[in-house]
Amino acid sequence: MIASLLIAAGTPAAKVGQHAAAAPSMFGAVLALLAVLALIVGLGWLLKRMPGSGFRPADGLRVVASLNVGAKERVVVVEVNGEQLLLGVTAGGINTLHHLPEPLPTPVPARLPDFKKLPNFAQLLQQRLRKEP
């Protein structure tokens, strides 16, 4: 009803979207994306160099082996300046269980199986399907 009165009174109607901001240009969008990426890289660089961040390994300290023995309990072998210690790690603390007189042998690295020596799957399937129980 008010709109019809304004039109009847001869006042010009306001254009829809007249006060809306213009769409951002492609340059502005790319610039904003580059600023966000630079911020992420800069914070990563800063975090890596902060002491106690956990990203840098401690000098002279290395975890040799670890074994879970419970939900929150582990047994860990740690090497400290050439000496290996067996530690018990629980939610309540860390206890030294044993000083190892000689270092643990280095584990053999895991290898992928040789796929050329594996039996042919199609032949195995045919043999299994031919056999009746």
Protein backbone atom coordinates (compact mmCIF):
# COMPACT_ATOMS: atom_id res chain seq x y z
CA MET A 1 0.00 0.00 0.00
CA ILE A 2 2.84 2.40 0.86
CA ALA A 3 4.60 1.57 -2.39
CA SER A 4 1.52 2.44 -4.37
CA LEU A 5 1.29 5.77 -2.52
CA LEU A 6 4.93 6.58 -3.34
CA ILE A 7 4.46 5.75 -6.99
CA ALA A 8 1.26 7.78 -7.08
CA ALA A 9 3.03 10.73 -5.41
CA GLY A 10 5.58 10.83 -8.22
CA THR A 11 8.72 10.00 -6.21
CA PRO A 12 11.25 7.99 -8.14
CA ALA A 13 11.70 4.43 -6.87
CA ALA A 14 15.21 3.44 -5.70
CA LYS A 15 17.12 1.07 -8.00
CA VAL A 16 17.59 -2.43 -6.66
CA GLY A 17 21.28 -3.08 -5.88
CA GLN A 18 22.25 0.57 -6.14
CA HIS A 19 24.06 0.56 -2.80
CA ALA A 20 25.57 -2.94 -3.13
CA ALA A 21 29.35 -3.25 -3.30
CA ALA A 22 30.89 -4.10 -6.62
CA ALA A 23 32.05 -7.68 -7.19
CA PRO A 24 35.73 -8.21 -6.35
CA SER A 25 38.05 -8.34 -9.27
CA MET A 26 40.08 -11.40 -10.20
CA PHE A 27 43.23 -9.59 -9.14
CA GLY A 28 41.85 -9.04 -5.65
CA ALA A 29 40.86 -12.70 -5.28
CA VAL A 30 44.30 -13.92 -6.38
CA LEU A 31 45.98 -11.41 -4.07
CA ALA A 32 43.87 -12.59 -1.12
CA LEU A 33 44.71 -16.24 -1.88
CA LEU A 34 48.43 -15.46 -2.05
CA ALA A 35 48.22 -13.56 1.25
CA VAL A 36 46.60 -16.57 2.98
CA LEU A 37 49.20 -18.96 1.54
CA ALA A 38 52.04 -16.66 2.64
CA LEU A 39 50.53 -16.51 6.13
CA ILE A 40 50.40 -20.32 6.35
CA VAL A 41 54.01 -20.72 5.18
CA GLY A 42 55.21 -17.95 7.49
CA LEU A 43 53.51 -19.45 10.54
CA GLY A 44 54.93 -22.88 9.69
CA TRP A 45 58.44 -21.41 9.43
CA LEU A 46 58.01 -19.60 12.74
CA LEU A 47 56.63 -22.68 14.50
CA LYS A 48 59.51 -24.83 13.26
CA ARG A 49 62.08 -22.45 14.76
CA MET A 50 60.39 -21.94 18.12
CA PRO A 51 61.97 -23.90 20.98
CA GLY A 52 59.91 -26.81 22.22
CA SER A 53 57.73 -26.99 19.12
CA GLY A 54 58.29 -30.72 18.74
CA PHE A 55 59.17 -30.60 15.05
CA ARG A 56 62.92 -30.64 15.59
CA PRO A 57 64.41 -33.88 16.91
CA ALA A 58 66.48 -33.48 20.06
CA ASP A 59 70.24 -33.78 19.63
CA GLY A 60 71.64 -37.01 21.06
CA LEU A 61 68.20 -38.52 21.76
CA ARG A 62 66.54 -41.13 19.58
CA VAL A 63 63.67 -43.61 20.02
CA VAL A 64 64.99 -46.99 18.90
CA ALA A 65 61.90 -49.16 19.47
CA SER A 66 58.46 -48.86 21.00
CA LEU A 67 55.86 -51.44 22.02
CA ASN A 68 52.32 -50.83 23.28
CA VAL A 69 51.53 -53.01 26.28
CA GLY A 70 48.21 -51.48 27.24
CA ALA A 71 45.74 -48.74 26.40
CA LYS A 72 48.01 -46.00 27.75
CA GLU A 73 51.18 -47.92 28.56
CA ARG A 74 54.24 -48.42 26.39
CA VAL A 75 57.73 -49.87 26.69
CA VAL A 76 60.26 -47.73 24.83
CA VAL A 77 63.96 -48.18 24.08
CA VAL A 78 65.65 -44.78 23.91
CA GLU A 79 69.23 -44.09 22.88
CA VAL A 80 70.90 -41.24 24.74
CA ASN A 81 74.45 -40.38 23.63
CA GLY A 82 75.18 -43.98 22.61
CA GLU A 83 73.61 -45.61 25.70
CA GLN A 84 70.27 -47.39 25.39
CA LEU A 85 67.64 -47.30 28.12
CA LEU A 86 64.46 -49.35 28.47
CA LEU A 87 61.70 -47.03 29.70
CA GLY A 88 58.18 -47.72 30.90
CA VAL A 89 55.81 -44.95 29.78
CA THR A 90 52.41 -44.66 31.48
CA ALA A 91 49.83 -41.94 31.91
CA GLY A 92 51.28 -41.29 35.38
CA GLY A 93 54.93 -40.95 34.40
CA ILE A 94 58.08 -42.49 32.93
CA ASN A 95 60.23 -45.05 34.75
CA THR A 96 63.62 -46.47 33.84
CA LEU A 97 63.25 -50.24 33.68
CA HIS A 98 66.74 -51.29 32.54
CA HIS A 99 70.07 -50.00 31.20
CA LEU A 100 70.87 -52.11 28.14
CA PRO A 101 74.55 -53.23 28.22
CA GLU A 102 74.71 -53.59 24.45
CA PRO A 103 72.57 -51.86 21.83
CA LEU A 104 69.65 -53.60 20.22
CA PRO A 105 70.34 -54.99 16.75
CA THR A 106 69.12 -52.77 13.97
CA PRO A 107 65.90 -54.16 12.47
CA VAL A 108 65.90 -55.39 8.89
CA PRO A 109 64.04 -52.87 6.73
CA ALA A 110 60.73 -54.13 5.39
CA ARG A 111 60.78 -55.21 1.76
CA LEU A 112 58.01 -55.65 -0.74
CA PRO A 113 57.50 -59.22 -1.92
CA ASP A 114 58.84 -60.21 -5.30
CA PHE A 115 55.71 -60.22 -7.45
CA LYS A 116 57.38 -62.28 -10.17
CA LYS A 117 57.67 -65.29 -7.85
CA LEU A 118 54.04 -65.22 -6.74
CA PRO A 119 51.77 -67.91 -8.20
CA ASN A 120 49.34 -66.98 -10.94
CA PHE A 121 46.03 -65.98 -9.35
CA ALA A 122 43.95 -67.16 -12.30
CA GLN A 123 45.46 -70.66 -12.12
CA LEU A 124 44.97 -70.86 -8.36
CA LEU A 125 41.33 -69.81 -8.71
CA GLN A 126 40.69 -72.40 -11.40
CA GLN A 127 42.23 -75.12 -9.24
CA ARG A 128 40.06 -74.15 -6.26
CA LEU A 129 36.88 -73.99 -8.34
CA ARG A 130 37.48 -77.44 -9.88
CA LYS A 131 37.79 -79.09 -6.50
CA GLU A 132 34.49 -80.18 -5.03
CA PRO A 133 34.11 -80.36 -1.24
